C-alpha atoms as a PDB file:
ATOM      1  CA  MET A   1      13.894 -92.984  73.626  1.00  0.00           C
ATOM      2  CA  PHE A   2      15.981 -95.980  75.256  1.00  0.00           C
ATOM      3  CA  LYS A   3      16.655 -97.423  78.212  1.00  0.00           C
ATOM      4  CA  ARG A   4      19.590 -98.191  79.435  1.00  0.00           C
ATOM      5  CA  ARG A   5      19.909-101.678  80.534  1.00  0.00           C
ATOM      6  CA  ARG A   6      22.590-102.658  83.970  1.00  0.00           C
ATOM      7  CA  LYS A   7      24.411-105.575  83.939  1.00  0.00           C
ATOM      8  CA  SER A   8      23.262-107.987  87.166  1.00  0.00           C
ATOM      9  CA  LYS A   9      26.505-108.014  89.955  1.00  0.00           C
ATOM     10  CA  THR A  10      25.400-112.221  88.244  1.00  0.00           C
ATOM     11  CA  ARG A  11      25.961-111.142  85.407  1.00  0.00           C
ATOM     12  CA  LYS A  12      29.462-109.260  85.918  1.00  0.00           C
ATOM     13  CA  ARG A  13      30.801-111.758  88.338  1.00  0.00           C
ATOM     14  CA  LYS A  14      29.829-114.516  85.363  1.00  0.00           C
ATOM     15  CA  GLU A  15      31.923-112.247  83.156  1.00  0.00           C
ATOM     16  CA  VAL A  16      34.780-111.913  85.803  1.00  0.00           C
ATOM     17  CA  LYS A  17      35.011-115.616  86.474  1.00  0.00           C
ATOM     18  CA  PHE A  18      34.968-116.529  82.081  1.00  0.00           C
ATOM     19  CA  LEU A  19      37.737-114.339  81.817  1.00  0.00           C
ATOM     20  CA  ILE A  20      39.982-116.086  84.409  1.00  0.00           C
ATOM     21  CA  VAL A  21      39.298-119.395  83.070  1.00  0.00           C
ATOM     22  CA  VAL A  22      40.083-117.727  79.452  1.00  0.00           C
ATOM     23  CA  THR A  23      43.810-116.932  81.252  1.00  0.00           C
ATOM     24  CA  LEU A  24      44.389-119.499  82.977  1.00  0.00           C
ATOM     25  CA  ILE A  25      43.736-121.448  79.617  1.00  0.00           C
ATOM     26  CA  CYS A  26      46.258-119.328  77.920  1.00  0.00           C
ATOM     27  CA  PHE A  27      48.442-119.265  80.339  1.00  0.00           C
ATOM     28  CA  LEU A  28      48.490-123.698  80.783  1.00  0.00           C
ATOM     29  CA  LEU A  29      48.658-123.991  77.052  1.00  0.00           C
ATOM     30  CA  ALA A  30      52.411-121.668  76.884  1.00  0.00           C
ATOM     31  CA  ILE A  31      53.641-123.111  79.372  1.00  0.00           C
ATOM     32  CA  VAL A  32      52.773-126.695  77.276  1.00  0.00           C
ATOM     33  CA  VAL A  33      53.706-125.193  74.647  1.00  0.00           C
ATOM     34  CA  SER A  34      57.493-123.660  75.992  1.00  0.00           C
ATOM     35  CA  PHE A  35      57.556-127.853  77.111  1.00  0.00           C
ATOM     36  CA  ILE A  36      57.257-129.423  73.542  1.00  0.00           C
ATOM     37  CA  THR A  37      59.874-126.964  72.485  1.00  0.00           C
ATOM     38  CA  GLY A  38      61.880-126.572  75.026  1.00  0.00           C
ATOM     39  CA  ARG A  39      62.762-123.246  74.873  1.00  0.00           C
ATOM     40  CA  VAL A  40      62.017-120.623  77.401  1.00  0.00           C
ATOM     41  CA  PRO A  41      59.486-117.681  76.218  1.00  0.00           C
ATOM     42  CA  VAL A  42      61.832-114.565  74.934  1.00  0.00           C
ATOM     43  CA  LEU A  43      60.547-112.525  77.409  1.00  0.00           C
ATOM     44  CA  LEU A  44      61.384-114.174  80.152  1.00  0.00           C
ATOM     45  CA  ASP A  45      64.597-115.619  79.115  1.00  0.00           C
ATOM     46  CA  ARG A  46      65.337-111.460  79.350  1.00  0.00           C
ATOM     47  CA  VAL A  47      64.633-110.764  82.278  1.00  0.00           C
ATOM     48  CA  ILE A  48      66.544-113.820  83.642  1.00  0.00           C
ATOM     49  CA  THR A  49      69.654-112.507  81.542  1.00  0.00           C
ATOM     50  CA  LYS A  50      69.292-109.545  82.258  1.00  0.00           C
ATOM     51  CA  ARG A  51      69.305-110.700  86.494  1.00  0.00           C
ATOM     52  CA  ILE A  52      72.397-112.470  86.196  1.00  0.00           C
ATOM     53  CA  GLU A  53      73.977-109.580  84.033  1.00  0.00           C
ATOM     54  CA  GLY A  54      73.404-107.361  86.674  1.00  0.00           C
ATOM     55  CA  GLU A  55      74.697-109.923  89.568  1.00  0.00           C
ATOM     56  CA  ILE A  56      78.152-110.532  87.114  1.00  0.00           C
ATOM     57  CA  VAL A  57      78.498-106.368  87.211  1.00  0.00           C
ATOM     58  CA  LYS A  58      77.896-106.272  91.015  1.00  0.00           C
ATOM     59  CA  LYS A  59      80.446-109.358  92.029  1.00  0.00           C
ATOM     60  CA  VAL A  60      82.656-107.534  89.132  1.00  0.00           C
ATOM     61  CA  GLU A  61      82.796-104.468  91.091  1.00  0.00           C
ATOM     62  CA  ASP A  62      83.303-105.774  94.475  1.00  0.00           C
ATOM     63  CA  THR A  63      85.996-108.098  93.102  1.00  0.00           C
ATOM     64  CA  LYS A  64      87.538-105.378  90.668  1.00  0.00           C
ATOM     65  CA  LYS A  65      89.364-103.412  93.857  1.00  0.00           C
ATOM     66  CA  GLY A  66      91.490-106.522  94.213  1.00  0.00           C
ATOM     67  CA  LEU A  67      92.269-107.120  90.771  1.00  0.00           C
ATOM     68  CA  ALA A  68      94.549-106.084  88.598  1.00  0.00           C
ATOM     69  CA  GLY A  69      94.395-104.000  84.979  1.00  0.00           C
ATOM     70  CA  SER A  70      95.086-107.388  82.974  1.00  0.00           C
ATOM     71  CA  ASP A  71      92.536-109.035  85.247  1.00  0.00           C
ATOM     72  CA  ILE A  72      89.540-106.811  85.131  1.00  0.00           C
ATOM     73  CA  GLU A  73      89.888-107.031  81.171  1.00  0.00           C
ATOM     74  CA  LYS A  74      90.006-110.664  81.258  1.00  0.00           C
ATOM     75  CA  LEU A  75      86.670-110.887  82.960  1.00  0.00           C
ATOM     76  CA  LYS A  76      85.615-107.664  80.841  1.00  0.00           C
ATOM     77  CA  LYS A  77      86.262-109.843  77.627  1.00  0.00           C
ATOM     78  CA  GLU A  78      84.625-113.082  78.859  1.00  0.00           C
ATOM     79  CA  TYR A  79      81.359-111.491  80.697  1.00  0.00           C
ATOM     80  CA  LYS A  80      80.810-109.139  77.583  1.00  0.00           C
ATOM     81  CA  ARG A  81      78.047-109.957  75.102  1.00  0.00           C
END
């Protein structure tokens, strides 16, 4: 029948290096395109906005204890999307 060929270690290393280089090139191209367009990629933008909203909610919860009801409603309307 057929004899299986095993990939040598050097060939595997070359393939891994090649894939790493291709990944880095794609990453650099994505950075260049984002700077040219002046926009942050959507996924990164979503992650950042969620973290900021989480921090705002924590801050509001901390300051909520000393505020009146009308102040809380103003804050909710201001930070609600």
